[in-house]
Amino acid sequence: MLDFFRAGGFSMIFVLMFGALAVAAAARFGLRPDARRVDAVRALTLATLLSVGSGTFSDIAAVCSKVPERFADHPKIHLVVMEGIGESMSPGILGFSLLSVAWLIMAVGHRRLRALLPA
């Protein structure tokens, strides 16, 4: 797991931070549903989504700039690029997993909220 985190680079800190906050806010909503808390979860999940995009793009940019610089004459440069692109997907894998968990918890909270509303 540590290698996976390292592969994503510095941006993984922001993906993890915003994603963890989104999951925590969703858990709070899931435990005590209150429609006023939904906007906070939406904002945190948007921050997570944007950090995923930023992290993925910065990782791909690093691959595109560093690989030609260091491996231009390497006979298997295509494999180096493939590995770099694979590592560049780390922010997306972490971020989208956290977003999935957050919105699964939100679904439970919405179900509980509906049960609390008068018929």
C-alpha atoms as a PDB file:
ATOM      1  CA  MET A   1       0.000   0.000   0.000  1.00  0.00           C
ATOM      2  CA  LEU A   2       2.875   2.347   0.736  1.00  0.00           C
ATOM      3  CA  ASP A   3       4.311   1.735  -2.748  1.00  0.00           C
ATOM      4  CA  PHE A   4       0.907   2.543  -4.236  1.00  0.00           C
ATOM      5  CA  PHE A   5       0.784   5.795  -2.263  1.00  0.00           C
ATOM      6  CA  ARG A   6       4.337   6.704  -3.266  1.00  0.00           C
ATOM      7  CA  ALA A   7       3.583   5.970  -6.934  1.00  0.00           C
ATOM      8  CA  GLY A   8       0.932   8.691  -6.933  1.00  0.00           C
ATOM      9  CA  GLY A   9       3.318  11.307  -5.643  1.00  0.00           C
ATOM     10  CA  PHE A  10       2.723  14.412  -3.569  1.00  0.00           C
ATOM     11  CA  SER A  11      -0.859  14.878  -4.746  1.00  0.00           C
ATOM     12  CA  MET A  12      -1.897  11.705  -2.935  1.00  0.00           C
ATOM     13  CA  ILE A  13      -1.751  13.650   0.333  1.00  0.00           C
ATOM     14  CA  PHE A  14      -4.537  15.954  -0.864  1.00  0.00           C
ATOM     15  CA  VAL A  15      -6.586  13.127  -2.344  1.00  0.00           C
ATOM     16  CA  LEU A  16      -6.374  11.227   0.944  1.00  0.00           C
ATOM     17  CA  MET A  17      -7.056  14.298   3.077  1.00  0.00           C
ATOM     18  CA  PHE A  18     -10.104  15.513   1.128  1.00  0.00           C
ATOM     19  CA  GLY A  19     -11.358  11.954   0.624  1.00  0.00           C
ATOM     20  CA  ALA A  20     -11.087  11.131   4.324  1.00  0.00           C
ATOM     21  CA  LEU A  21     -12.915  14.346   5.217  1.00  0.00           C
ATOM     22  CA  ALA A  22     -15.649  13.477   2.707  1.00  0.00           C
ATOM     23  CA  VAL A  23     -16.038   9.981   4.173  1.00  0.00           C
ATOM     24  CA  ALA A  24     -16.131  11.413   7.710  1.00  0.00           C
ATOM     25  CA  ALA A  25     -18.776  13.989   6.726  1.00  0.00           C
ATOM     26  CA  ALA A  26     -20.778  11.272   4.986  1.00  0.00           C
ATOM     27  CA  ALA A  27     -20.516   9.055   8.080  1.00  0.00           C
ATOM     28  CA  ARG A  28     -21.804  11.900  10.221  1.00  0.00           C
ATOM     29  CA  PHE A  29     -24.735  12.301   7.839  1.00  0.00           C
ATOM     30  CA  GLY A  30     -25.296   8.538   7.767  1.00  0.00           C
ATOM     31  CA  LEU A  31     -25.437   8.324  11.561  1.00  0.00           C
ATOM     32  CA  ARG A  32     -27.550  11.423  12.117  1.00  0.00           C
ATOM     33  CA  PRO A  33     -29.272  12.362   8.870  1.00  0.00           C
ATOM     34  CA  ASP A  34     -29.858  16.073   8.487  1.00  0.00           C
ATOM     35  CA  ALA A  35     -30.533  17.611   5.083  1.00  0.00           C
ATOM     36  CA  ARG A  36     -28.403  20.641   6.054  1.00  0.00           C
ATOM     37  CA  ARG A  37     -25.265  18.450   6.044  1.00  0.00           C
ATOM     38  CA  VAL A  38     -25.601  17.312   2.443  1.00  0.00           C
ATOM     39  CA  ASP A  39     -24.020  20.449   0.984  1.00  0.00           C
ATOM     40  CA  ALA A  40     -20.892  19.967   3.098  1.00  0.00           C
ATOM     41  CA  VAL A  41     -20.500  16.418   1.797  1.00  0.00           C
ATOM     42  CA  ARG A  42     -21.030  17.583  -1.781  1.00  0.00           C
ATOM     43  CA  ALA A  43     -18.378  20.277  -1.360  1.00  0.00           C
ATOM     44  CA  LEU A  44     -15.868  17.826   0.143  1.00  0.00           C
ATOM     45  CA  THR A  45     -16.493  15.257  -2.567  1.00  0.00           C
ATOM     46  CA  LEU A  46     -16.013  17.947  -5.204  1.00  0.00           C
ATOM     47  CA  ALA A  47     -12.712  18.906  -3.565  1.00  0.00           C
ATOM     48  CA  THR A  48     -11.719  15.230  -3.663  1.00  0.00           C
ATOM     49  CA  LEU A  49     -12.695  14.941  -7.308  1.00  0.00           C
ATOM     50  CA  LEU A  50     -10.710  18.033  -8.257  1.00  0.00           C
ATOM     51  CA  SER A  51      -7.663  16.813  -6.339  1.00  0.00           C
ATOM     52  CA  VAL A  52      -7.922  13.502  -8.221  1.00  0.00           C
ATOM     53  CA  GLY A  53      -7.870  15.381 -11.523  1.00  0.00           C
ATOM     54  CA  SER A  54      -5.009  17.606 -10.468  1.00  0.00           C
ATOM     55  CA  GLY A  55      -2.987  14.677  -9.151  1.00  0.00           C
ATOM     56  CA  THR A  56      -3.556  12.498 -12.191  1.00  0.00           C
ATOM     57  CA  PHE A  57      -2.707  15.289 -14.626  1.00  0.00           C
ATOM     58  CA  SER A  58       0.421  16.301 -12.730  1.00  0.00           C
ATOM     59  CA  ASP A  59       1.569  12.665 -12.618  1.00  0.00           C
ATOM     60  CA  ILE A  60       1.023  12.236 -16.371  1.00  0.00           C
ATOM     61  CA  ALA A  61       2.861  15.517 -16.991  1.00  0.00           C
ATOM     62  CA  ALA A  62       5.781  14.211 -14.942  1.00  0.00           C
ATOM     63  CA  VAL A  63       5.872  11.009 -16.994  1.00  0.00           C
ATOM     64  CA  CYS A  64       5.732  12.952 -20.253  1.00  0.00           C
ATOM     65  CA  SER A  65       8.577  15.246 -19.250  1.00  0.00           C
ATOM     66  CA  LYS A  66      10.864  12.875 -17.363  1.00  0.00           C
ATOM     67  CA  VAL A  67      10.694   9.721 -19.482  1.00  0.00           C
ATOM     68  CA  PRO A  68      12.056  11.297 -22.695  1.00  0.00           C
ATOM     69  CA  GLU A  69      14.711  13.082 -20.670  1.00  0.00           C
ATOM     70  CA  ARG A  70      15.983   9.927 -18.956  1.00  0.00           C
ATOM     71  CA  PHE A  71      15.051   7.069 -21.290  1.00  0.00           C
ATOM     72  CA  ALA A  72      15.174   8.531 -24.819  1.00  0.00           C
ATOM     73  CA  ASP A  73      17.654   5.909 -26.068  1.00  0.00           C
ATOM     74  CA  HIS A  74      16.195   3.003 -24.100  1.00  0.00           C
ATOM     75  CA  PRO A  75      14.961   0.229 -26.423  1.00  0.00           C
ATOM     76  CA  LYS A  76      11.901  -0.450 -24.241  1.00  0.00           C
ATOM     77  CA  ILE A  77      10.835   3.146 -23.642  1.00  0.00           C
ATOM     78  CA  HIS A  78       7.243   2.158 -24.378  1.00  0.00           C
ATOM     79  CA  LEU A  79       7.260  -0.113 -21.319  1.00  0.00           C
ATOM     80  CA  VAL A  80       8.656   2.682 -19.158  1.00  0.00           C
ATOM     81  CA  VAL A  81       5.868   4.969 -20.376  1.00  0.00           C
ATOM     82  CA  MET A  82       3.247   2.297 -19.660  1.00  0.00           C
ATOM     83  CA  GLU A  83       4.547   1.851 -16.128  1.00  0.00           C
ATOM     84  CA  GLY A  84       4.537   5.620 -15.619  1.00  0.00           C
ATOM     85  CA  ILE A  85       0.965   5.934 -16.822  1.00  0.00           C
ATOM     86  CA  GLY A  86      -0.014   3.071 -14.527  1.00  0.00           C
ATOM     87  CA  GLU A  87       1.506   4.880 -11.571  1.00  0.00           C
ATOM     88  CA  SER A  88      -0.248   8.067 -12.668  1.00  0.00           C
ATOM     89  CA  MET A  89      -3.592   6.366 -12.077  1.00  0.00           C
ATOM     90  CA  SER A  90      -2.937   6.084  -8.323  1.00  0.00           C
ATOM     91  CA  PRO A  91      -4.715   9.349  -7.380  1.00  0.00           C
ATOM     92  CA  GLY A  92      -7.777   8.244  -9.336  1.00  0.00           C
ATOM     93  CA  ILE A  93      -7.854   4.797  -7.773  1.00  0.00           C
ATOM     94  CA  LEU A  94      -7.596   6.172  -4.239  1.00  0.00           C
ATOM     95  CA  GLY A  95      -9.874   9.142  -4.793  1.00  0.00           C
ATOM     96  CA  PHE A  96     -12.652   7.340  -6.625  1.00  0.00           C
ATOM     97  CA  SER A  97     -12.598   4.550  -4.037  1.00  0.00           C
ATOM     98  CA  LEU A  98     -13.037   7.079  -1.231  1.00  0.00           C
ATOM     99  CA  LEU A  99     -15.789   8.857  -3.174  1.00  0.00           C
ATOM    100  CA  SER A 100     -17.602   5.549  -3.699  1.00  0.00           C
ATOM    101  CA  VAL A 101     -17.501   4.821   0.022  1.00  0.00           C
ATOM    102  CA  ALA A 102     -18.655   8.343   0.883  1.00  0.00           C
ATOM    103  CA  TRP A 103     -21.652   8.188  -1.433  1.00  0.00           C
ATOM    104  CA  LEU A 104     -22.572   4.676  -0.343  1.00  0.00           C
ATOM    105  CA  ILE A 105     -22.763   6.000   3.198  1.00  0.00           C
ATOM    106  CA  MET A 106     -24.758   8.977   1.907  1.00  0.00           C
ATOM    107  CA  ALA A 107     -27.248   6.572   0.334  1.00  0.00           C
ATOM    108  CA  VAL A 108     -27.764   4.949   3.730  1.00  0.00           C
ATOM    109  CA  GLY A 109     -28.196   8.382   5.294  1.00  0.00           C
ATOM    110  CA  HIS A 110     -30.742   9.409   2.665  1.00  0.00           C
ATOM    111  CA  ARG A 111     -32.666   6.207   3.312  1.00  0.00           C
ATOM    112  CA  ARG A 112     -32.662   6.913   7.043  1.00  0.00           C
ATOM    113  CA  LEU A 113     -33.631  10.542   6.434  1.00  0.00           C
ATOM    114  CA  ARG A 114     -36.626   9.471   4.367  1.00  0.00           C
ATOM    115  CA  ALA A 115     -37.686   7.150   7.165  1.00  0.00           C
ATOM    116  CA  LEU A 116     -37.625  10.075   9.615  1.00  0.00           C
ATOM    117  CA  LEU A 117     -39.810  12.329   7.479  1.00  0.00           C
ATOM    118  CA  PRO A 118     -43.540  12.308   8.160  1.00  0.00           C
ATOM    119  CA  ALA A 119     -45.561  10.429   5.580  1.00  0.00           C
END
